[in-house]
């Protein structure tokens, strides 16, 4: 399917679906309760995003201190930022998706699945490592200096 059509469907369909769910929830529990619940999820989400963000920042610093690249931690930070944006939008569907992205094991599984799908990760051969059946392709960089001698 054309990516433009998918984007248009998401741009138009997602708010309409959120509006439908808000109307249905509002008719069941009342308009004021629905508004207060939406505000509560935004406040709770902001607090959880802050807590998770600080945790990931600490892991980034630890990874850098070991001299390693914090690739997965940076991707987790990006997902936490996306979940924060989703939690600030009014609506229950985006809130559910935002809260799911704040669960660390789910977030890591989602990131690893996306990396496997993109080809950045490949399955390891049995018995070659203790990590969770994936390896990251790394590029070795050799640093040095050179100068050119022209005749």
C-alpha atoms as a PDB file:
ATOM      1  CA  UNK A   1       0.000   0.000   0.000  1.00  0.00           C
ATOM      2  CA  UNK A   2       1.155   3.530  -0.739  1.00  0.00           C
ATOM      3  CA  UNK A   3       2.816   5.207   2.309  1.00  0.00           C
ATOM      4  CA  UNK A   4       0.981   8.447   1.545  1.00  0.00           C
ATOM      5  CA  UNK A   5      -2.389   6.737   1.807  1.00  0.00           C
ATOM      6  CA  UNK A   6      -1.361   5.059   5.060  1.00  0.00           C
ATOM      7  CA  UNK A   7      -0.255   8.430   6.472  1.00  0.00           C
ATOM      8  CA  UNK A   8      -3.523  10.056   5.389  1.00  0.00           C
ATOM      9  CA  UNK A   9      -5.564   7.260   6.963  1.00  0.00           C
ATOM     10  CA  UNK A  10      -3.642   7.650  10.219  1.00  0.00           C
ATOM     11  CA  UNK A  11      -3.910  11.435  10.120  1.00  0.00           C
ATOM     12  CA  UNK A  12      -7.678  11.347   9.618  1.00  0.00           C
ATOM     13  CA  UNK A  13      -8.609   7.983  11.101  1.00  0.00           C
ATOM     14  CA  UNK A  14      -6.778   8.159  14.425  1.00  0.00           C
ATOM     15  CA  UNK A  15      -8.462  11.369  15.666  1.00  0.00           C
ATOM     16  CA  UNK A  16     -11.864  10.105  14.519  1.00  0.00           C
ATOM     17  CA  UNK A  17     -11.335   6.833  16.368  1.00  0.00           C
ATOM     18  CA  UNK A  18     -10.186   8.715  19.482  1.00  0.00           C
ATOM     19  CA  UNK A  19     -13.252  10.956  19.271  1.00  0.00           C
ATOM     20  CA  UNK A  20     -15.538   7.939  18.947  1.00  0.00           C
ATOM     21  CA  UNK A  21     -13.977   6.264  21.994  1.00  0.00           C
ATOM     22  CA  UNK A  22     -14.186   9.494  24.021  1.00  0.00           C
ATOM     23  CA  UNK A  23     -17.880   9.875  23.147  1.00  0.00           C
ATOM     24  CA  UNK A  24     -18.617   6.252  24.059  1.00  0.00           C
ATOM     25  CA  UNK A  25     -16.723   6.463  27.347  1.00  0.00           C
ATOM     26  CA  UNK A  26     -18.354   9.805  28.100  1.00  0.00           C
ATOM     27  CA  UNK A  27     -21.813   8.360  27.545  1.00  0.00           C
ATOM     28  CA  UNK A  28     -21.035   5.537  29.999  1.00  0.00           C
ATOM     29  CA  UNK A  29     -19.270   7.374  32.835  1.00  0.00           C
ATOM     30  CA  UNK A  30     -20.231  10.994  32.171  1.00  0.00           C
ATOM     31  CA  UNK A  31     -18.548  13.910  30.431  1.00  0.00           C
ATOM     32  CA  UNK A  32     -16.875  15.441  33.504  1.00  0.00           C
ATOM     33  CA  UNK A  33     -15.498  12.082  34.642  1.00  0.00           C
ATOM     34  CA  UNK A  34     -14.149  11.441  31.140  1.00  0.00           C
ATOM     35  CA  UNK A  35     -12.405  14.824  31.075  1.00  0.00           C
ATOM     36  CA  UNK A  36     -10.938  14.278  34.564  1.00  0.00           C
ATOM     37  CA  UNK A  37      -9.772  10.797  33.582  1.00  0.00           C
ATOM     38  CA  UNK A  38      -8.091  12.202  30.484  1.00  0.00           C
ATOM     39  CA  UNK A  39      -6.330  14.862  32.560  1.00  0.00           C
ATOM     40  CA  UNK A  40      -5.299  12.250  35.143  1.00  0.00           C
ATOM     41  CA  UNK A  41      -3.740  10.017  32.494  1.00  0.00           C
ATOM     42  CA  UNK A  42      -1.797  12.988  31.112  1.00  0.00           C
ATOM     43  CA  UNK A  43      -0.438  13.923  34.558  1.00  0.00           C
ATOM     44  CA  UNK A  44       0.370  10.330  35.487  1.00  0.00           C
ATOM     45  CA  UNK A  45       1.983   9.802  32.088  1.00  0.00           C
ATOM     46  CA  UNK A  46       4.148  12.913  32.486  1.00  0.00           C
ATOM     47  CA  UNK A  47       5.385  11.683  35.879  1.00  0.00           C
ATOM     48  CA  UNK A  48       6.150   8.203  34.517  1.00  0.00           C
ATOM     49  CA  UNK A  49       7.891   9.626  31.443  1.00  0.00           C
ATOM     50  CA  UNK A  50      10.094  11.748  33.681  1.00  0.00           C
ATOM     51  CA  UNK A  51      10.953   8.778  35.894  1.00  0.00           C
ATOM     52  CA  UNK A  52      11.690   6.488  32.936  1.00  0.00           C
ATOM     53  CA  UNK A  53      13.668   9.228  31.177  1.00  0.00           C
ATOM     54  CA  UNK A  54      15.962   9.722  34.168  1.00  0.00           C
ATOM     55  CA  UNK A  55      16.460   5.951  34.398  1.00  0.00           C
ATOM     56  CA  UNK A  56      17.444   5.699  30.729  1.00  0.00           C
ATOM     57  CA  UNK A  57      19.738   8.729  31.091  1.00  0.00           C
ATOM     58  CA  UNK A  58      21.555   7.009  33.944  1.00  0.00           C
ATOM     59  CA  UNK A  59      21.978   3.862  31.812  1.00  0.00           C
ATOM     60  CA  UNK A  60      23.319   5.992  28.932  1.00  0.00           C
ATOM     61  CA  UNK A  61      25.916   7.497  31.268  1.00  0.00           C
ATOM     62  CA  UNK A  62      26.916   4.048  32.571  1.00  0.00           C
ATOM     63  CA  UNK A  63      27.248   2.708  29.035  1.00  0.00           C
ATOM     64  CA  UNK A  64      29.379   5.679  28.001  1.00  0.00           C
ATOM     65  CA  UNK A  65      31.549   5.226  31.087  1.00  0.00           C
ATOM     66  CA  UNK A  66      32.263   1.653  29.947  1.00  0.00           C
ATOM     67  CA  UNK A  67      33.348   3.039  26.582  1.00  0.00           C
ATOM     68  CA  UNK A  68      30.412   1.530  24.674  1.00  0.00           C
ATOM     69  CA  UNK A  69      27.919   3.170  22.345  1.00  0.00           C
ATOM     70  CA  UNK A  70      24.510   3.569  24.042  1.00  0.00           C
ATOM     71  CA  UNK A  71      22.517   2.645  20.920  1.00  0.00           C
ATOM     72  CA  UNK A  72      19.662   0.722  22.557  1.00  0.00           C
ATOM     73  CA  UNK A  73      19.411   3.241  25.371  1.00  0.00           C
ATOM     74  CA  UNK A  74      19.096   6.081  22.862  1.00  0.00           C
ATOM     75  CA  UNK A  75      16.310   4.233  21.059  1.00  0.00           C
ATOM     76  CA  UNK A  76      14.589   3.664  24.388  1.00  0.00           C
ATOM     77  CA  UNK A  77      14.874   7.380  25.101  1.00  0.00           C
ATOM     78  CA  UNK A  78      13.244   8.165  21.763  1.00  0.00           C
ATOM     79  CA  UNK A  79      10.407   5.746  22.534  1.00  0.00           C
ATOM     80  CA  UNK A  80       9.917   7.311  25.947  1.00  0.00           C
ATOM     81  CA  UNK A  81       9.670  10.713  24.280  1.00  0.00           C
ATOM     82  CA  UNK A  82       7.094   9.333  21.820  1.00  0.00           C
ATOM     83  CA  UNK A  83       5.107   7.831  24.672  1.00  0.00           C
ATOM     84  CA  UNK A  84       5.131  11.200  26.441  1.00  0.00           C
ATOM     85  CA  UNK A  85       3.695  12.879  23.369  1.00  0.00           C
ATOM     86  CA  UNK A  86       1.043  10.180  23.053  1.00  0.00           C
ATOM     87  CA  UNK A  87       0.083  10.535  26.712  1.00  0.00           C
ATOM     88  CA  UNK A  88      -0.360  14.286  26.366  1.00  0.00           C
ATOM     89  CA  UNK A  89      -2.835  13.904  23.480  1.00  0.00           C
ATOM     90  CA  UNK A  90      -6.393  13.597  24.742  1.00  0.00           C
ATOM     91  CA  UNK A  91      -7.822  10.176  24.101  1.00  0.00           C
ATOM     92  CA  UNK A  92      -7.738   6.719  25.537  1.00  0.00           C
ATOM     93  CA  UNK A  93      -6.247   4.819  22.607  1.00  0.00           C
ATOM     94  CA  UNK A  94      -3.125   6.989  22.514  1.00  0.00           C
ATOM     95  CA  UNK A  95      -2.940   6.780  26.312  1.00  0.00           C
ATOM     96  CA  UNK A  96      -2.972   2.983  26.189  1.00  0.00           C
ATOM     97  CA  UNK A  97      -0.274   2.958  23.513  1.00  0.00           C
ATOM     98  CA  UNK A  98       1.774   5.493  25.484  1.00  0.00           C
ATOM     99  CA  UNK A  99       1.532   3.510  28.710  1.00  0.00           C
ATOM    100  CA  UNK A 100       2.499   0.298  26.899  1.00  0.00           C
ATOM    101  CA  UNK A 101       5.644   2.016  25.589  1.00  0.00           C
ATOM    102  CA  UNK A 102       6.566   2.890  29.172  1.00  0.00           C
ATOM    103  CA  UNK A 103       6.776  -0.772  30.225  1.00  0.00           C
ATOM    104  CA  UNK A 104      10.539  -1.492  29.936  1.00  0.00           C
ATOM    105  CA  UNK A 105      10.342  -5.164  28.811  1.00  0.00           C
ATOM    106  CA  UNK A 106       7.717  -4.349  26.161  1.00  0.00           C
ATOM    107  CA  UNK A 107       9.675  -1.321  25.005  1.00  0.00           C
ATOM    108  CA  UNK A 108      12.881  -3.347  24.630  1.00  0.00           C
ATOM    109  CA  UNK A 109      11.078  -6.183  22.789  1.00  0.00           C
ATOM    110  CA  UNK A 110       9.528  -3.663  20.406  1.00  0.00           C
ATOM    111  CA  UNK A 111      12.898  -1.993  19.726  1.00  0.00           C
ATOM    112  CA  UNK A 112      14.627  -5.340  19.145  1.00  0.00           C
ATOM    113  CA  UNK A 113      11.822  -6.460  16.820  1.00  0.00           C
ATOM    114  CA  UNK A 114      12.154  -3.255  14.799  1.00  0.00           C
ATOM    115  CA  UNK A 115      15.939  -3.644  14.613  1.00  0.00           C
ATOM    116  CA  UNK A 116      15.616  -7.265  13.486  1.00  0.00           C
ATOM    117  CA  UNK A 117      13.106  -6.260  10.834  1.00  0.00           C
ATOM    118  CA  UNK A 118      15.348  -3.473   9.554  1.00  0.00           C
ATOM    119  CA  UNK A 119      18.329  -5.829   9.331  1.00  0.00           C
ATOM    120  CA  UNK A 120      20.413  -4.102  12.015  1.00  0.00           C
ATOM    121  CA  UNK A 121      20.226  -7.258  14.163  1.00  0.00           C
ATOM    122  CA  UNK A 122      20.677 -10.831  13.079  1.00  0.00           C
ATOM    123  CA  UNK A 123      20.196 -14.127  14.926  1.00  0.00           C
ATOM    124  CA  UNK A 124      23.290 -15.512  16.604  1.00  0.00           C
ATOM    125  CA  UNK A 125      24.594 -18.974  15.984  1.00  0.00           C
ATOM    126  CA  UNK A 126      23.788 -21.361  18.859  1.00  0.00           C
ATOM    127  CA  UNK A 127      26.352 -21.368  21.639  1.00  0.00           C
ATOM    128  CA  UNK A 128      28.164 -18.218  20.506  1.00  0.00           C
ATOM    129  CA  UNK A 129      26.925 -15.817  23.130  1.00  0.00           C
ATOM    130  CA  UNK A 130      25.040 -15.368  26.344  1.00  0.00           C
ATOM    131  CA  UNK A 131      22.982 -12.378  25.262  1.00  0.00           C
ATOM    132  CA  UNK A 132      19.397 -12.763  24.148  1.00  0.00           C
ATOM    133  CA  UNK A 133      19.804 -14.483  20.706  1.00  0.00           C
ATOM    134  CA  UNK A 134      20.714 -11.279  18.828  1.00  0.00           C
ATOM    135  CA  UNK A 135      23.873  -9.428  17.977  1.00  0.00           C
ATOM    136  CA  UNK A 136      24.399  -5.883  16.826  1.00  0.00           C
ATOM    137  CA  UNK A 137      26.447  -5.333  13.693  1.00  0.00           C
ATOM    138  CA  UNK A 138      29.349  -3.138  14.710  1.00  0.00           C
ATOM    139  CA  UNK A 139      31.753  -1.278  12.478  1.00  0.00           C
ATOM    140  CA  UNK A 140      35.424  -1.241  13.455  1.00  0.00           C
ATOM    141  CA  UNK A 141      36.984   2.183  13.029  1.00  0.00           C
ATOM    142  CA  UNK A 142      40.742   2.494  12.837  1.00  0.00           C
ATOM    143  CA  UNK A 143      41.941   5.986  13.624  1.00  0.00           C
ATOM    144  CA  UNK A 144      45.201   7.371  12.373  1.00  0.00           C
ATOM    145  CA  UNK A 145      46.947  10.256  10.740  1.00  0.00           C
ATOM    146  CA  UNK A 146      48.373  10.559   7.283  1.00  0.00           C
ATOM    147  CA  UNK A 147      50.181  13.116   5.202  1.00  0.00           C
ATOM    148  CA  UNK A 148      50.689  13.285   1.489  1.00  0.00           C
ATOM    149  CA  UNK A 149      54.123  13.586  -0.063  1.00  0.00           C
ATOM    150  CA  UNK A 150      53.956  15.053  -3.533  1.00  0.00           C
ATOM    151  CA  UNK A 151      57.060  15.269  -5.727  1.00  0.00           C
END
